[in-house]
Amino acid sequence: MALTRNFKHTIRERAQTDPAFRAALLSEAIELLLSGEVETGRMVLRDFINATVGFETLSAKTGMPAKSLMRMFGPNGNPRADNLFAVIRMLQDETRLQIAVNAA
């Protein structure tokens, strides 16, 4: 399903003004990835990137081309683990959010 511009704008605005929402969005993306819902996790992570740092800044900070990053988190993306974790590390640094994983 294609997202409307209004939805994207709403997510971006809320992520920029609500630290708890921003943290929940990143946390949800990582939880989805860890639970095996990789496609959904990539989509939520893509929304998080668009709503916070953007792909151009992400590209500059990671040294990966913006178009490659967009494909990586797109519907058919298949990021390598080292690239995925580098992106997550950079997102945590840039947004000042720290995600911790605990064994259940």
Protein backbone atom coordinates (compact mmCIF):
# COMPACT_ATOMS: atom_id res chain seq x y z
CA MET A 1 0.00 0.00 0.00
CA ALA A 2 1.41 3.39 -0.96
CA LEU A 3 1.62 5.92 1.82
CA THR A 4 0.02 9.28 1.32
CA ARG A 5 2.06 12.42 1.66
CA ASN A 6 -0.15 13.44 4.59
CA PHE A 7 0.75 10.26 6.52
CA LYS A 8 4.48 10.75 5.90
CA HIS A 9 4.24 14.38 6.97
CA THR A 10 2.34 13.40 10.11
CA ILE A 11 4.95 10.80 11.09
CA ARG A 12 7.81 13.24 10.43
CA GLU A 13 6.17 16.04 12.42
CA ARG A 14 5.38 13.80 15.37
CA ALA A 15 8.85 12.23 15.40
CA GLN A 16 10.48 15.66 15.38
CA THR A 17 8.35 17.03 18.22
CA ASP A 18 7.71 13.99 20.43
CA PRO A 19 10.82 12.24 21.84
CA ALA A 20 8.74 9.35 23.23
CA PHE A 21 7.19 8.69 19.82
CA ARG A 22 10.62 8.86 18.16
CA ALA A 23 12.00 6.34 20.67
CA ALA A 24 8.99 4.06 20.26
CA LEU A 25 9.33 4.11 16.47
CA LEU A 26 12.99 3.04 16.57
CA SER A 27 12.30 0.47 19.27
CA GLU A 28 9.40 -1.02 17.31
CA ALA A 29 11.51 -1.28 14.14
CA ILE A 30 14.25 -3.16 15.98
CA GLU A 31 11.78 -5.42 17.80
CA LEU A 32 10.18 -6.33 14.47
CA LEU A 33 13.58 -7.16 12.95
CA LEU A 34 14.53 -9.31 15.94
CA SER A 35 11.21 -11.16 15.91
CA GLY A 36 11.65 -12.16 12.27
CA GLU A 37 9.25 -9.65 10.75
CA VAL A 38 12.05 -8.26 8.63
CA GLU A 39 9.98 -6.66 5.86
CA THR A 40 7.80 -4.75 8.33
CA GLY A 41 10.84 -3.83 10.43
CA ARG A 42 12.59 -2.40 7.37
CA MET A 43 9.50 -0.34 6.51
CA VAL A 44 9.25 1.08 10.03
CA LEU A 45 12.98 1.80 10.02
CA ARG A 46 12.58 3.57 6.66
CA ASP A 47 9.80 5.71 8.17
CA PHE A 48 12.07 6.47 11.13
CA ILE A 49 14.93 7.50 8.84
CA ASN A 50 12.66 9.72 6.75
CA ALA A 51 11.17 11.29 9.88
CA THR A 52 14.48 11.99 11.62
CA VAL A 53 17.84 12.22 9.86
CA GLY A 54 16.86 11.57 6.23
CA PHE A 55 18.70 9.41 3.72
CA GLU A 56 21.16 12.11 2.61
CA THR A 57 22.45 12.66 6.15
CA LEU A 58 22.46 8.91 6.74
CA SER A 59 24.53 8.51 3.59
CA ALA A 60 27.05 11.13 4.70
CA LYS A 61 27.40 9.63 8.17
CA THR A 62 27.70 5.98 7.09
CA GLY A 63 29.60 6.44 3.83
CA MET A 64 26.97 4.39 1.99
CA PRO A 65 25.27 5.88 -1.10
CA ALA A 66 21.80 7.30 -0.39
CA LYS A 67 20.24 5.28 -3.22
CA SER A 68 21.71 2.06 -1.83
CA LEU A 69 20.32 2.91 1.59
CA MET A 70 16.90 3.61 0.12
CA ARG A 71 16.95 0.25 -1.67
CA MET A 72 18.22 -1.47 1.48
CA PHE A 73 15.16 -0.33 3.43
CA GLY A 74 12.72 -0.59 0.55
CA PRO A 75 10.14 -3.36 -0.01
CA ASN A 76 12.65 -5.67 -1.72
CA GLY A 77 15.66 -4.67 0.36
CA ASN A 78 17.99 -7.22 1.86
CA PRO A 79 20.59 -5.40 3.97
CA ARG A 80 23.69 -7.22 5.12
CA ALA A 81 23.97 -7.45 8.89
CA ASP A 82 27.05 -5.21 9.04
CA ASN A 83 25.28 -2.47 7.05
CA LEU A 84 22.08 -2.80 9.07
CA PHE A 85 23.90 -2.54 12.41
CA ALA A 86 26.02 0.38 11.17
CA VAL A 87 22.82 2.23 10.25
CA ILE A 88 21.16 1.43 13.59
CA ARG A 89 24.29 2.58 15.47
CA MET A 90 24.37 5.86 13.53
CA LEU A 91 20.64 6.43 14.05
CA GLN A 92 21.07 5.98 17.78
CA ASP A 93 23.95 8.46 17.82
CA GLU A 94 22.19 11.05 15.66
CA THR A 95 18.88 10.90 17.53
CA ARG A 96 20.45 10.43 20.98
CA LEU A 97 18.41 7.28 21.53
CA GLN A 98 19.96 4.15 22.96
CA ILE A 99 18.29 0.81 22.37
CA ALA A 100 19.12 -2.02 24.77
CA VAL A 101 18.23 -5.66 24.18
CA ASN A 102 17.33 -7.80 27.16
CA ALA A 103 16.90 -11.56 27.26
CA ALA A 104 13.37 -12.64 28.16
